[in-house]
C-alpha atoms as a PDB file:
ATOM      1  CA  UNK A   1      38.277 -10.301   0.323  1.00  0.00           C
ATOM      2  CA  UNK A   2      41.833  -9.534   1.485  1.00  0.00           C
ATOM      3  CA  UNK A   3      41.100  -5.795   1.675  1.00  0.00           C
ATOM      4  CA  UNK A   4      38.048  -6.450   3.858  1.00  0.00           C
ATOM      5  CA  UNK A   5      39.995  -8.654   6.261  1.00  0.00           C
ATOM      6  CA  UNK A   6      42.926  -6.246   6.538  1.00  0.00           C
ATOM      7  CA  UNK A   7      40.570  -3.326   7.246  1.00  0.00           C
ATOM      8  CA  UNK A   8      38.675  -5.365   9.837  1.00  0.00           C
ATOM      9  CA  UNK A   9      41.881  -6.432  11.577  1.00  0.00           C
ATOM     10  CA  UNK A  10      43.190  -2.864  11.819  1.00  0.00           C
ATOM     11  CA  UNK A  11      39.856  -1.529  13.100  1.00  0.00           C
ATOM     12  CA  UNK A  12      39.405  -4.395  15.571  1.00  0.00           C
ATOM     13  CA  UNK A  13      42.911  -3.960  17.012  1.00  0.00           C
ATOM     14  CA  UNK A  14      42.377  -0.202  17.351  1.00  0.00           C
ATOM     15  CA  UNK A  15      39.054  -0.647  19.157  1.00  0.00           C
ATOM     16  CA  UNK A  16      40.409  -3.355  21.453  1.00  0.00           C
ATOM     17  CA  UNK A  17      43.351  -1.129  22.398  1.00  0.00           C
ATOM     18  CA  UNK A  18      40.933   1.695  23.250  1.00  0.00           C
ATOM     19  CA  UNK A  19      38.894  -0.566  25.538  1.00  0.00           C
ATOM     20  CA  UNK A  20      42.055  -1.981  27.066  1.00  0.00           C
ATOM     21  CA  UNK A  21      43.144   1.550  27.900  1.00  0.00           C
ATOM     22  CA  UNK A  22      39.768   2.755  29.168  1.00  0.00           C
ATOM     23  CA  UNK A  23      38.844  -0.279  31.268  1.00  0.00           C
ATOM     24  CA  UNK A  24      42.189  -1.789  32.306  1.00  0.00           C
ATOM     25  CA  UNK A  25      45.344   0.290  31.885  1.00  0.00           C
ATOM     26  CA  UNK A  26      44.260   3.853  32.635  1.00  0.00           C
ATOM     27  CA  UNK A  27      42.982   5.088  35.984  1.00  0.00           C
ATOM     28  CA  UNK A  28      39.226   4.483  35.889  1.00  0.00           C
ATOM     29  CA  UNK A  29      38.674   7.342  38.326  1.00  0.00           C
ATOM     30  CA  UNK A  30      39.834   9.680  35.574  1.00  0.00           C
ATOM     31  CA  UNK A  31      38.337   7.942  32.533  1.00  0.00           C
ATOM     32  CA  UNK A  32      34.846   7.507  34.034  1.00  0.00           C
ATOM     33  CA  UNK A  33      35.015  10.160  36.773  1.00  0.00           C
ATOM     34  CA  UNK A  34      34.479   7.767  39.685  1.00  0.00           C
ATOM     35  CA  UNK A  35      33.804   9.922  42.723  1.00  0.00           C
ATOM     36  CA  UNK A  36      32.911  13.051  40.748  1.00  0.00           C
ATOM     37  CA  UNK A  37      29.983  14.736  42.551  1.00  0.00           C
ATOM     38  CA  UNK A  38      29.862  11.734  44.927  1.00  0.00           C
ATOM     39  CA  UNK A  39      29.289   9.336  42.024  1.00  0.00           C
ATOM     40  CA  UNK A  40      29.935   5.599  42.224  1.00  0.00           C
ATOM     41  CA  UNK A  41      30.647   3.358  39.207  1.00  0.00           C
ATOM     42  CA  UNK A  42      27.087   2.084  38.730  1.00  0.00           C
ATOM     43  CA  UNK A  43      25.037   5.017  39.959  1.00  0.00           C
ATOM     44  CA  UNK A  44      22.678   7.131  37.856  1.00  0.00           C
ATOM     45  CA  UNK A  45      25.361   9.619  36.843  1.00  0.00           C
ATOM     46  CA  UNK A  46      28.186   7.242  35.980  1.00  0.00           C
ATOM     47  CA  UNK A  47      26.480   4.108  34.671  1.00  0.00           C
ATOM     48  CA  UNK A  48      26.003   5.486  31.174  1.00  0.00           C
ATOM     49  CA  UNK A  49      29.650   6.529  30.786  1.00  0.00           C
ATOM     50  CA  UNK A  50      30.493   2.870  30.189  1.00  0.00           C
ATOM     51  CA  UNK A  51      27.922   2.615  27.362  1.00  0.00           C
ATOM     52  CA  UNK A  52      29.108   5.865  25.791  1.00  0.00           C
ATOM     53  CA  UNK A  53      32.522   4.314  25.073  1.00  0.00           C
ATOM     54  CA  UNK A  54      30.946   2.633  22.033  1.00  0.00           C
ATOM     55  CA  UNK A  55      29.955   5.972  20.536  1.00  0.00           C
ATOM     56  CA  UNK A  56      33.343   7.586  21.207  1.00  0.00           C
ATOM     57  CA  UNK A  57      35.171   4.611  19.664  1.00  0.00           C
ATOM     58  CA  UNK A  58      32.815   4.626  16.668  1.00  0.00           C
ATOM     59  CA  UNK A  59      33.382   8.350  16.165  1.00  0.00           C
ATOM     60  CA  UNK A  60      37.129   7.719  15.980  1.00  0.00           C
ATOM     61  CA  UNK A  61      36.599   4.896  13.472  1.00  0.00           C
ATOM     62  CA  UNK A  62      34.306   7.062  11.322  1.00  0.00           C
ATOM     63  CA  UNK A  63      36.836   9.890  11.003  1.00  0.00           C
ATOM     64  CA  UNK A  64      39.874   7.677  10.425  1.00  0.00           C
ATOM     65  CA  UNK A  65      38.091   5.291   8.034  1.00  0.00           C
ATOM     66  CA  UNK A  66      36.784   8.158   5.905  1.00  0.00           C
ATOM     67  CA  UNK A  67      40.025  10.158   6.022  1.00  0.00           C
ATOM     68  CA  UNK A  68      42.384   7.280   5.219  1.00  0.00           C
ATOM     69  CA  UNK A  69      40.237   5.999   2.349  1.00  0.00           C
ATOM     70  CA  UNK A  70      39.795   9.507   0.951  1.00  0.00           C
ATOM     71  CA  UNK A  71      43.581   9.956   0.870  1.00  0.00           C
ATOM     72  CA  UNK A  72      44.114   6.575  -0.791  1.00  0.00           C
ATOM     73  CA  UNK A  73      41.417   7.315  -3.375  1.00  0.00           C
ATOM     74  CA  UNK A  74      42.976  10.713  -4.050  1.00  0.00           C
ATOM     75  CA  UNK A  75      46.326   9.062  -4.735  1.00  0.00           C
ATOM     76  CA  UNK A  76      44.834   6.175  -6.718  1.00  0.00           C
ATOM     77  CA  UNK A  77      41.633   7.091  -8.576  1.00  0.00           C
ATOM     78  CA  UNK A  78      40.993   3.412  -9.371  1.00  0.00           C
ATOM     79  CA  UNK A  79      41.007   2.430  -5.715  1.00  0.00           C
ATOM     80  CA  UNK A  80      38.013   0.324  -4.702  1.00  0.00           C
ATOM     81  CA  UNK A  81      36.703   0.703  -1.180  1.00  0.00           C
ATOM     82  CA  UNK A  82      36.436  -2.302   1.122  1.00  0.00           C
ATOM     83  CA  UNK A  83      32.951  -3.763   1.495  1.00  0.00           C
ATOM     84  CA  UNK A  84      31.844  -1.947   4.647  1.00  0.00           C
ATOM     85  CA  UNK A  85      29.268  -4.620   5.531  1.00  0.00           C
ATOM     86  CA  UNK A  86      31.884  -7.370   5.411  1.00  0.00           C
ATOM     87  CA  UNK A  87      34.328  -5.244   7.389  1.00  0.00           C
ATOM     88  CA  UNK A  88      31.672  -4.675  10.052  1.00  0.00           C
ATOM     89  CA  UNK A  89      30.809  -8.375  10.233  1.00  0.00           C
ATOM     90  CA  UNK A  90      34.458  -9.376  10.582  1.00  0.00           C
ATOM     91  CA  UNK A  91      34.980  -6.749  13.292  1.00  0.00           C
ATOM     92  CA  UNK A  92      31.994  -7.999  15.279  1.00  0.00           C
ATOM     93  CA  UNK A  93      33.213 -11.584  14.987  1.00  0.00           C
ATOM     94  CA  UNK A  94      36.737 -10.632  16.051  1.00  0.00           C
ATOM     95  CA  UNK A  95      35.759  -8.373  18.952  1.00  0.00           C
ATOM     96  CA  UNK A  96      32.730  -9.927  20.646  1.00  0.00           C
ATOM     97  CA  UNK A  97      34.509 -12.562  22.765  1.00  0.00           C
ATOM     98  CA  UNK A  98      37.710 -10.607  23.644  1.00  0.00           C
ATOM     99  CA  UNK A  99      35.678  -7.547  24.664  1.00  0.00           C
ATOM    100  CA  UNK A 100      33.211  -9.599  26.687  1.00  0.00           C
ATOM    101  CA  UNK A 101      36.062 -11.264  28.591  1.00  0.00           C
ATOM    102  CA  UNK A 102      37.881  -7.965  29.123  1.00  0.00           C
ATOM    103  CA  UNK A 103      34.783  -6.150  30.384  1.00  0.00           C
ATOM    104  CA  UNK A 104      33.341  -8.939  32.530  1.00  0.00           C
ATOM    105  CA  UNK A 105      36.404 -10.500  34.136  1.00  0.00           C
ATOM    106  CA  UNK A 106      39.056  -7.797  34.230  1.00  0.00           C
ATOM    107  CA  UNK A 107      39.286  -4.213  35.308  1.00  0.00           C
ATOM    108  CA  UNK A 108      38.258  -2.663  38.605  1.00  0.00           C
ATOM    109  CA  UNK A 109      35.331  -2.891  38.980  1.00  0.00           C
ATOM    110  CA  UNK A 110      34.436  -5.554  36.388  1.00  0.00           C
ATOM    111  CA  UNK A 111      31.227  -5.051  34.451  1.00  0.00           C
ATOM    112  CA  UNK A 112      28.202  -7.268  35.034  1.00  0.00           C
ATOM    113  CA  UNK A 113      27.235  -9.641  32.207  1.00  0.00           C
ATOM    114  CA  UNK A 114      24.245  -7.536  31.148  1.00  0.00           C
ATOM    115  CA  UNK A 115      26.312  -4.349  31.170  1.00  0.00           C
ATOM    116  CA  UNK A 116      29.067  -5.971  29.120  1.00  0.00           C
ATOM    117  CA  UNK A 117      26.528  -7.126  26.536  1.00  0.00           C
ATOM    118  CA  UNK A 118      24.953  -3.679  26.185  1.00  0.00           C
ATOM    119  CA  UNK A 119      28.351  -1.965  26.007  1.00  0.00           C
ATOM    120  CA  UNK A 120      29.223  -4.308  23.128  1.00  0.00           C
ATOM    121  CA  UNK A 121      25.799  -3.796  21.510  1.00  0.00           C
ATOM    122  CA  UNK A 122      26.190   0.002  21.521  1.00  0.00           C
ATOM    123  CA  UNK A 123      29.703  -0.365  20.113  1.00  0.00           C
ATOM    124  CA  UNK A 124      28.582  -2.649  17.268  1.00  0.00           C
ATOM    125  CA  UNK A 125      25.612  -0.439  16.350  1.00  0.00           C
ATOM    126  CA  UNK A 126      27.821   2.662  16.445  1.00  0.00           C
ATOM    127  CA  UNK A 127      30.484   0.876  14.412  1.00  0.00           C
ATOM    128  CA  UNK A 128      27.947  -0.086  11.749  1.00  0.00           C
ATOM    129  CA  UNK A 129      26.866   3.534  11.501  1.00  0.00           C
ATOM    130  CA  UNK A 130      30.502   4.708  11.379  1.00  0.00           C
ATOM    131  CA  UNK A 131      31.491   2.322   8.581  1.00  0.00           C
ATOM    132  CA  UNK A 132      28.388   3.027   6.517  1.00  0.00           C
ATOM    133  CA  UNK A 133      28.832   6.791   6.785  1.00  0.00           C
ATOM    134  CA  UNK A 134      32.575   6.522   6.166  1.00  0.00           C
ATOM    135  CA  UNK A 135      31.876   4.562   2.989  1.00  0.00           C
ATOM    136  CA  UNK A 136      29.235   7.124   1.990  1.00  0.00           C
ATOM    137  CA  UNK A 137      31.621  10.055   2.478  1.00  0.00           C
ATOM    138  CA  UNK A 138      34.335   8.467   0.327  1.00  0.00           C
ATOM    139  CA  UNK A 139      31.976   7.185  -2.378  1.00  0.00           C
ATOM    140  CA  UNK A 140      29.887  10.374  -2.650  1.00  0.00           C
ATOM    141  CA  UNK A 141      32.087  13.102  -1.234  1.00  0.00           C
ATOM    142  CA  UNK A 142      30.340  16.161  -2.720  1.00  0.00           C
ATOM    143  CA  UNK A 143      26.882  14.827  -1.977  1.00  0.00           C
ATOM    144  CA  UNK A 144      27.939  13.860   1.540  1.00  0.00           C
ATOM    145  CA  UNK A 145      28.845  17.490   2.286  1.00  0.00           C
ATOM    146  CA  UNK A 146      25.294  18.570   1.456  1.00  0.00           C
ATOM    147  CA  UNK A 147      23.919  15.649   3.459  1.00  0.00           C
ATOM    148  CA  UNK A 148      26.098  16.707   6.399  1.00  0.00           C
ATOM    149  CA  UNK A 149      24.526  20.161   6.399  1.00  0.00           C
ATOM    150  CA  UNK A 150      21.083  18.564   6.110  1.00  0.00           C
ATOM    151  CA  UNK A 151      21.944  16.434   9.135  1.00  0.00           C
ATOM    152  CA  UNK A 152      22.984  19.483  11.167  1.00  0.00           C
ATOM    153  CA  UNK A 153      19.349  20.614  11.002  1.00  0.00           C
ATOM    154  CA  UNK A 154      18.383  17.855  13.415  1.00  0.00           C
ATOM    155  CA  UNK A 155      21.158  18.478  15.973  1.00  0.00           C
ATOM    156  CA  UNK A 156      19.173  21.085  17.976  1.00  0.00           C
ATOM    157  CA  UNK A 157      16.206  18.715  18.160  1.00  0.00           C
ATOM    158  CA  UNK A 158      18.209  15.622  19.108  1.00  0.00           C
ATOM    159  CA  UNK A 159      20.272  17.362  21.780  1.00  0.00           C
ATOM    160  CA  UNK A 160      18.187  20.268  23.099  1.00  0.00           C
ATOM    161  CA  UNK A 161      14.783  18.592  23.383  1.00  0.00           C
ATOM    162  CA  UNK A 162      15.844  15.785  25.792  1.00  0.00           C
ATOM    163  CA  UNK A 163      17.859  18.268  27.864  1.00  0.00           C
ATOM    164  CA  UNK A 164      15.032  20.834  27.893  1.00  0.00           C
ATOM    165  CA  UNK A 165      12.415  18.266  28.915  1.00  0.00           C
ATOM    166  CA  UNK A 166      14.619  16.801  31.648  1.00  0.00           C
ATOM    167  CA  UNK A 167      15.506  20.227  33.024  1.00  0.00           C
ATOM    168  CA  UNK A 168      11.920  21.479  32.692  1.00  0.00           C
ATOM    169  CA  UNK A 169      10.517  18.548  34.671  1.00  0.00           C
ATOM    170  CA  UNK A 170      13.126  18.840  37.423  1.00  0.00           C
ATOM    171  CA  UNK A 171      12.647  22.590  37.732  1.00  0.00           C
ATOM    172  CA  UNK A 172       8.914  22.501  36.999  1.00  0.00           C
ATOM    173  CA  UNK A 173       9.587  25.043  34.281  1.00  0.00           C
ATOM    174  CA  UNK A 174       6.912  25.281  31.598  1.00  0.00           C
ATOM    175  CA  UNK A 175       9.218  27.557  29.635  1.00  0.00           C
ATOM    176  CA  UNK A 176      11.852  24.855  29.213  1.00  0.00           C
ATOM    177  CA  UNK A 177       9.250  22.140  28.601  1.00  0.00           C
ATOM    178  CA  UNK A 178       7.513  24.034  25.792  1.00  0.00           C
ATOM    179  CA  UNK A 179       9.558  26.938  24.440  1.00  0.00           C
ATOM    180  CA  UNK A 180      12.939  25.215  24.051  1.00  0.00           C
ATOM    181  CA  UNK A 181      11.589  22.214  22.080  1.00  0.00           C
ATOM    182  CA  UNK A 182       9.533  24.476  19.808  1.00  0.00           C
ATOM    183  CA  UNK A 183      12.532  26.740  19.152  1.00  0.00           C
ATOM    184  CA  UNK A 184      14.745  23.711  18.406  1.00  0.00           C
ATOM    185  CA  UNK A 185      12.214  22.341  15.900  1.00  0.00           C
ATOM    186  CA  UNK A 186      11.695  25.715  14.213  1.00  0.00           C
ATOM    187  CA  UNK A 187      15.450  26.296  13.886  1.00  0.00           C
ATOM    188  CA  UNK A 188      15.850  22.863  12.342  1.00  0.00           C
ATOM    189  CA  UNK A 189      13.037  23.362   9.839  1.00  0.00           C
ATOM    190  CA  UNK A 190      14.328  26.804   8.847  1.00  0.00           C
ATOM    191  CA  UNK A 191      17.780  25.345   8.202  1.00  0.00           C
ATOM    192  CA  UNK A 192      16.255  22.474   6.181  1.00  0.00           C
ATOM    193  CA  UNK A 193      14.271  24.985   4.113  1.00  0.00           C
ATOM    194  CA  UNK A 194      17.463  26.973   3.426  1.00  0.00           C
ATOM    195  CA  UNK A 195      19.309  23.794   2.431  1.00  0.00           C
ATOM    196  CA  UNK A 196      16.426  22.832   0.144  1.00  0.00           C
ATOM    197  CA  UNK A 197      16.599  26.191  -1.648  1.00  0.00           C
ATOM    198  CA  UNK A 198      20.397  26.008  -1.952  1.00  0.00           C
ATOM    199  CA  UNK A 199      20.316  22.504  -3.438  1.00  0.00           C
ATOM    200  CA  UNK A 200      17.584  23.487  -5.873  1.00  0.00           C
ATOM    201  CA  UNK A 201      19.644  26.505  -6.893  1.00  0.00           C
ATOM    202  CA  UNK A 202      22.697  24.292  -7.412  1.00  0.00           C
ATOM    203  CA  UNK A 203      20.506  21.737  -9.222  1.00  0.00           C
ATOM    204  CA  UNK A 204      21.786  19.006  -6.951  1.00  0.00           C
ATOM    205  CA  UNK A 205      20.001  15.726  -6.369  1.00  0.00           C
ATOM    206  CA  UNK A 206      18.523  15.599  -2.883  1.00  0.00           C
ATOM    207  CA  UNK A 207      19.943  13.040  -0.485  1.00  0.00           C
ATOM    208  CA  UNK A 208      17.733  10.135   0.507  1.00  0.00           C
ATOM    209  CA  UNK A 209      15.858  10.254   3.850  1.00  0.00           C
ATOM    210  CA  UNK A 210      18.012   7.304   4.960  1.00  0.00           C
ATOM    211  CA  UNK A 211      21.315   9.145   4.483  1.00  0.00           C
ATOM    212  CA  UNK A 212      19.988  12.356   6.012  1.00  0.00           C
ATOM    213  CA  UNK A 213      18.703  10.477   9.055  1.00  0.00           C
ATOM    214  CA  UNK A 214      21.953   8.546   9.506  1.00  0.00           C
ATOM    215  CA  UNK A 215      23.968  11.763   9.297  1.00  0.00           C
ATOM    216  CA  UNK A 216      21.548  13.289  11.800  1.00  0.00           C
ATOM    217  CA  UNK A 217      22.490  10.457  14.185  1.00  0.00           C
ATOM    218  CA  UNK A 218      26.203  10.612  13.346  1.00  0.00           C
ATOM    219  CA  UNK A 219      26.668  14.302  14.113  1.00  0.00           C
ATOM    220  CA  UNK A 220      25.527  14.416  17.766  1.00  0.00           C
ATOM    221  CA  UNK A 221      26.092  10.829  18.857  1.00  0.00           C
ATOM    222  CA  UNK A 222      29.378   9.899  17.172  1.00  0.00           C
ATOM    223  CA  UNK A 223      31.013  13.239  16.458  1.00  0.00           C
ATOM    224  CA  UNK A 224      29.472  15.036  19.436  1.00  0.00           C
ATOM    225  CA  UNK A 225      30.512  12.427  22.001  1.00  0.00           C
ATOM    226  CA  UNK A 226      33.981  12.247  20.412  1.00  0.00           C
ATOM    227  CA  UNK A 227      34.367  16.038  20.521  1.00  0.00           C
ATOM    228  CA  UNK A 228      33.305  16.057  24.168  1.00  0.00           C
ATOM    229  CA  UNK A 229      35.913  13.392  24.901  1.00  0.00           C
ATOM    230  CA  UNK A 230      38.789  15.359  23.377  1.00  0.00           C
ATOM    231  CA  UNK A 231      37.860  18.723  24.875  1.00  0.00           C
ATOM    232  CA  UNK A 232      36.847  17.366  28.292  1.00  0.00           C
ATOM    233  CA  UNK A 233      40.196  17.935  30.027  1.00  0.00           C
ATOM    234  CA  UNK A 234      43.602  18.599  28.563  1.00  0.00           C
ATOM    235  CA  UNK A 235      45.445  16.490  31.139  1.00  0.00           C
ATOM    236  CA  UNK A 236      42.908  13.661  31.623  1.00  0.00           C
ATOM    237  CA  UNK A 237      40.342  12.851  28.944  1.00  0.00           C
ATOM    238  CA  UNK A 238      37.105  11.344  30.221  1.00  0.00           C
ATOM    239  CA  UNK A 239      34.003   9.721  28.766  1.00  0.00           C
ATOM    240  CA  UNK A 240      30.839  11.816  28.944  1.00  0.00           C
ATOM    241  CA  UNK A 241      27.677  10.553  30.587  1.00  0.00           C
ATOM    242  CA  UNK A 242      24.695  10.034  28.296  1.00  0.00           C
ATOM    243  CA  UNK A 243      22.770  12.875  29.929  1.00  0.00           C
ATOM    244  CA  UNK A 244      24.642  15.343  27.716  1.00  0.00           C
ATOM    245  CA  UNK A 245      23.153  13.765  24.583  1.00  0.00           C
ATOM    246  CA  UNK A 246      20.061  11.692  25.372  1.00  0.00           C
ATOM    247  CA  UNK A 247      17.106  11.933  27.736  1.00  0.00           C
ATOM    248  CA  UNK A 248      17.160  10.245  31.130  1.00  0.00           C
ATOM    249  CA  UNK A 249      13.731   8.815  30.345  1.00  0.00           C
ATOM    250  CA  UNK A 250      12.932   6.276  27.624  1.00  0.00           C
ATOM    251  CA  UNK A 251       9.630   7.940  26.683  1.00  0.00           C
ATOM    252  CA  UNK A 252      11.216  11.364  26.163  1.00  0.00           C
ATOM    253  CA  UNK A 253      13.957   9.867  24.003  1.00  0.00           C
ATOM    254  CA  UNK A 254      11.465   8.002  21.814  1.00  0.00           C
ATOM    255  CA  UNK A 255       9.454  11.217  21.543  1.00  0.00           C
ATOM    256  CA  UNK A 256      12.602  13.014  20.379  1.00  0.00           C
ATOM    257  CA  UNK A 257      13.229  10.406  17.679  1.00  0.00           C
ATOM    258  CA  UNK A 258       9.560  10.677  16.613  1.00  0.00           C
ATOM    259  CA  UNK A 259       9.878  14.460  16.248  1.00  0.00           C
ATOM    260  CA  UNK A 260      13.012  14.045  14.125  1.00  0.00           C
ATOM    261  CA  UNK A 261      11.209  11.549  11.884  1.00  0.00           C
ATOM    262  CA  UNK A 262       8.302  13.975  11.580  1.00  0.00           C
ATOM    263  CA  UNK A 263      10.689  16.716  10.483  1.00  0.00           C
ATOM    264  CA  UNK A 264      12.284  14.312   8.015  1.00  0.00           C
ATOM    265  CA  UNK A 265       8.868  13.420   6.588  1.00  0.00           C
ATOM    266  CA  UNK A 266       8.012  17.116   6.218  1.00  0.00           C
ATOM    267  CA  UNK A 267      11.212  17.961   4.352  1.00  0.00           C
ATOM    268  CA  UNK A 268      10.571  14.903   2.174  1.00  0.00           C
ATOM    269  CA  UNK A 269       7.284  16.486   1.135  1.00  0.00           C
ATOM    270  CA  UNK A 270       9.086  19.713   0.256  1.00  0.00           C
ATOM    271  CA  UNK A 271      11.626  17.845  -1.823  1.00  0.00           C
ATOM    272  CA  UNK A 272       9.223  15.213  -3.177  1.00  0.00           C
ATOM    273  CA  UNK A 273      11.636  12.605  -1.882  1.00  0.00           C
ATOM    274  CA  UNK A 274       9.926  10.506   0.778  1.00  0.00           C
ATOM    275  CA  UNK A 275      11.173   6.954   0.198  1.00  0.00           C
ATOM    276  CA  UNK A 276      11.174   5.522   3.723  1.00  0.00           C
ATOM    277  CA  UNK A 277      11.428   1.829   2.868  1.00  0.00           C
ATOM    278  CA  UNK A 278      15.176   1.705   3.514  1.00  0.00           C
ATOM    279  CA  UNK A 279      14.675   3.262   6.968  1.00  0.00           C
ATOM    280  CA  UNK A 280      12.603   0.369   8.318  1.00  0.00           C
ATOM    281  CA  UNK A 281      15.497  -1.828   9.494  1.00  0.00           C
ATOM    282  CA  UNK A 282      17.404   1.188  10.818  1.00  0.00           C
ATOM    283  CA  UNK A 283      14.471   2.219  13.010  1.00  0.00           C
ATOM    284  CA  UNK A 284      14.161  -1.318  14.381  1.00  0.00           C
ATOM    285  CA  UNK A 285      17.869  -1.380  15.301  1.00  0.00           C
ATOM    286  CA  UNK A 286      17.597   2.074  16.867  1.00  0.00           C
ATOM    287  CA  UNK A 287      14.562   1.063  18.931  1.00  0.00           C
ATOM    288  CA  UNK A 288      16.133  -2.198  20.144  1.00  0.00           C
ATOM    289  CA  UNK A 289      19.377  -0.441  21.086  1.00  0.00           C
ATOM    290  CA  UNK A 290      17.546   2.354  22.906  1.00  0.00           C
ATOM    291  CA  UNK A 291      15.315   0.027  24.900  1.00  0.00           C
ATOM    292  CA  UNK A 292      18.322  -2.164  25.762  1.00  0.00           C
ATOM    293  CA  UNK A 293      20.256   0.808  27.161  1.00  0.00           C
ATOM    294  CA  UNK A 294      17.371   2.019  29.303  1.00  0.00           C
ATOM    295  CA  UNK A 295      16.457  -1.533  30.348  1.00  0.00           C
ATOM    296  CA  UNK A 296      19.949  -2.407  31.562  1.00  0.00           C
ATOM    297  CA  UNK A 297      20.309   0.989  33.238  1.00  0.00           C
ATOM    298  CA  UNK A 298      17.096   0.279  35.165  1.00  0.00           C
ATOM    299  CA  UNK A 299      18.268  -3.215  36.144  1.00  0.00           C
ATOM    300  CA  UNK A 300      21.794  -2.263  37.181  1.00  0.00           C
ATOM    301  CA  UNK A 301      21.278   1.180  38.700  1.00  0.00           C
ATOM    302  CA  UNK A 302      22.149   1.248  42.387  1.00  0.00           C
ATOM    303  CA  UNK A 303      22.674  -2.511  42.767  1.00  0.00           C
ATOM    304  CA  UNK A 304      26.459  -2.322  43.142  1.00  0.00           C
ATOM    305  CA  UNK A 305      26.930  -2.361  46.926  1.00  0.00           C
ATOM    306  CA  UNK A 306      30.727  -2.438  47.197  1.00  0.00           C
ATOM    307  CA  UNK A 307      31.408   1.284  46.939  1.00  0.00           C
ATOM    308  CA  UNK A 308      33.252   4.248  48.380  1.00  0.00           C
ATOM    309  CA  UNK A 309      30.738   6.528  50.104  1.00  0.00           C
ATOM    310  CA  UNK A 310      31.393  10.203  50.791  1.00  0.00           C
ATOM    311  CA  UNK A 311      30.565  10.961  54.435  1.00  0.00           C
ATOM    312  CA  UNK A 312      31.608  14.143  56.247  1.00  0.00           C
ATOM    313  CA  UNK A 313      34.072  15.035  53.483  1.00  0.00           C
ATOM    314  CA  UNK A 314      35.777  11.652  53.791  1.00  0.00           C
ATOM    315  CA  UNK A 315      35.601   8.566  51.575  1.00  0.00           C
ATOM    316  CA  UNK A 316      34.320   5.614  53.606  1.00  0.00           C
ATOM    317  CA  UNK A 317      34.629   2.024  52.395  1.00  0.00           C
ATOM    318  CA  UNK A 318      31.295   0.191  52.120  1.00  0.00           C
ATOM    319  CA  UNK A 319      31.779  -3.525  51.556  1.00  0.00           C
ATOM    320  CA  UNK A 320      34.805  -4.397  49.461  1.00  0.00           C
ATOM    321  CA  UNK A 321      35.033  -1.889  46.573  1.00  0.00           C
ATOM    322  CA  UNK A 322      36.791  -3.292  43.515  1.00  0.00           C
ATOM    323  CA  UNK A 323      38.071   0.101  42.413  1.00  0.00           C
ATOM    324  CA  UNK A 324      40.468   2.648  43.815  1.00  0.00           C
ATOM    325  CA  UNK A 325      39.350   5.184  46.376  1.00  0.00           C
ATOM    326  CA  UNK A 326      38.163   8.330  44.541  1.00  0.00           C
ATOM    327  CA  UNK A 327      40.280  11.445  44.809  1.00  0.00           C
ATOM    328  CA  UNK A 328      39.902  13.296  48.149  1.00  0.00           C
ATOM    329  CA  UNK A 329      39.009  16.614  46.494  1.00  0.00           C
ATOM    330  CA  UNK A 330      35.887  15.025  44.969  1.00  0.00           C
ATOM    331  CA  UNK A 331      34.379  14.224  48.373  1.00  0.00           C
ATOM    332  CA  UNK A 332      32.236  17.038  49.691  1.00  0.00           C
ATOM    333  CA  UNK A 333      32.304  19.028  46.450  1.00  0.00           C
ATOM    334  CA  UNK A 334      28.486  19.146  46.325  1.00  0.00           C
ATOM    335  CA  UNK A 335      28.203  20.384  49.913  1.00  0.00           C
ATOM    336  CA  UNK A 336      30.866  23.029  49.350  1.00  0.00           C
ATOM    337  CA  UNK A 337      29.162  24.172  46.143  1.00  0.00           C
ATOM    338  CA  UNK A 338      25.844  24.535  47.986  1.00  0.00           C
ATOM    339  CA  UNK A 339      27.541  26.521  50.756  1.00  0.00           C
ATOM    340  CA  UNK A 340      29.068  28.835  48.141  1.00  0.00           C
ATOM    341  CA  UNK A 341      25.612  29.401  46.665  1.00  0.00           C
ATOM    342  CA  UNK A 342      24.255  30.319  50.086  1.00  0.00           C
END
């Protein structure tokens, strides 16, 4: 009980400090790239950066939770891990109200109520994934390494297919719409086949579809978004927009998840390990979270009227913007880039 509470307190404080930095203390123009390519806080490009904070924070928790507990267990072989479910519940209880108040009533600009709720939802779902996978890594370290390499098989599908479809539709390119997704799927299946042969050769027990699927989500969404954050800029780290990891259309994203599940079912046939019962609740949570993100994006997109607008290479105040004027060099960057292309 005490171990669960202590872990939850440390994680909750760490997460709250991150959100305090991102939304209040640091310059939001740098954290969320306000003004970049003419973007405004709640436009199509920038809106998702606020949601992505939950995945970046969860990626940090996953690495630190697994690393710290691995070290402790190495020092003390009798060490018992905290109950990750209890830790997650305590964290949610401790964070929900402070984060809602911070996001909705402070910072420039403050988030709308619906945006605050979805930001918190993404954080809590990501945190649940981070704590579960952290517990799995510490409890089954050798098996988790094999599961990690199984999960890598799905990274091309999860990342490349949404990007290829989005780019293919915009450019009316049949090549990107068809060839890229097929290549991504084939590469993933080849890697899964190799991993199946290796694990048979090593006489290792195959990981469950649940753990493979959760690692498949962890690698691009938690670790990928975290990696992007730390390599974004050396002087000013910023949160990525969701377009680097998920589709800009709900249907294409659901199709991507369906393809991944189809690949998982196929490899289950190869390995004679197709117990999907434990995946049912996970898929429900994933669907609800996905539809919430796209739903709020649709509702909030473009409805924030107090903005800085770039006109004739100058930032012009429209209404009463509740955020600092974007940096002058950002205004006109699109026009200059187009002139350079010409």
